[in-house]
């Protein structure tokens, strides 16, 4: 994902005129933090975040030496408990970043034996988090992170979850326009994959001029960068936190 990392870098150093506006007040995490008491909107926003960002939590729990089945139950239990909480004052006292809040919360969760026992019971049979495809992807992750600490695995999985979510959103946009095949070629070009096509090859395949392909790829990169900023905005409390999260994301991806 080196080319994607380059796009993250260029985005973090771009001027305000190239970043585009983000309707920050509508982001998921800010909705959660700003809600006073129980709020259906806040609950819905928190549940969406849990469904997207469960993988770093699961990876962290597995790195503690927990068996796969137990880690699945604990992950489900952790998020079930998180969604039941009525008060997020602890988060408001901190910087309010979802990434940091979840890591601190899961550490406390695992340290509490009584809560852990409750989570084991709660997790069984509940499907809050989509764990169906975890085993094959976990094997690949393990091969890459044999020497990493649990915290490092969590942060790396978090960074790549952000990038995966951005790419999924971009794919959906192209699918809605009936351009999935074109999206796949643009993605290969962006990610610098082994079978990356040249602009000339794409032009031939889609009966376009090379200049048209160049312009299309430029728009693809720009949209990717915009969606990346939007996705990060969903996980922080204030607009000023976006830049710090971008810089952190770059550091983790390039590590």
Foldseek 3Di string as FASTA:
>chain_A
DVLVLVLLVCLLPDDPVLQDDDPLCQFLLQVLVPDDWDDPSNLVSLLVVLQLQLVLQLLLVVLVVDDNVLSQLLSQLLSVVVSPDGDDVVCVVDQNFQLVVVVVSSVVCVVDPVSSVVSNVVSPPDPSYPCPVPPVVVVVLCVVDVPPHSVLSSLLVRLVSLLVVLLVVLLVVCVVVVNNVVSVLLVCCSVVDPPNDDLVVSCVVVVHDSVVSVVVSVVSSSSSSNSSLNSSSNRGNDNVCSSVVSVSSSVSVVD
